[in-house]
Amino acid sequence: MQLAQDKDELLKYFIARFNRATLGIKDLQMSDVVTAMMSGTQSRSFKMSLSKNPSDTMNELLRREEKQSNFDSNSIFFTKKLKTRAKANNVRLRLMRLSEAAEKLRRQAAVNVQTGKENDARELLFQKKKGMQAMEKSNSRIEVLDKLSAKLNEV
């Protein structure tokens, strides 16, 4: 029996596929099932669990798989939450830098107006306008990421 878990396939889907493949095999020994499961799965923790304490029955194997699947799903979910928060924090930092740059451009434009360099001041204010537009985009992205983070925290 040569079944292997695909790289992006969740453990529970691999187990379902594995079960369908093994249903038609008569006189299947549990040791063969465990060996095939260990060689086919990508989950290191599930492999370690099976190697330390092999399952005696198919029901026990399925129970352990469900427990491991829940653990894997929770860790994937937790990773997504962390990535979402990190993205939101990166956007907040960018917003801060843009805000500081816009203030610096405004001050430079004011100095240029006082020294009679109106064309330079106009160019600086145009750059400030672009910076402000980028800040608006960052603000809307922060709102989206915050909403996503809030929904992830609800679950």
Foldseek 3Di string as FASTA:
>chain_A
DAAAADPPHQLVVSVVVLCVVCPPDPPDAQVVSLVNSLVHYPDPVLNVVCVVPNDRDPVVNVVSSVVVSVVVVVVVLVVVLVVLVVVLVVLVVVLVVLVVLLVVLQVVLVVCVVVPNNVSSVVSVVVSVVSVVVNVVSVVVSVVSVVVSVVSVVD
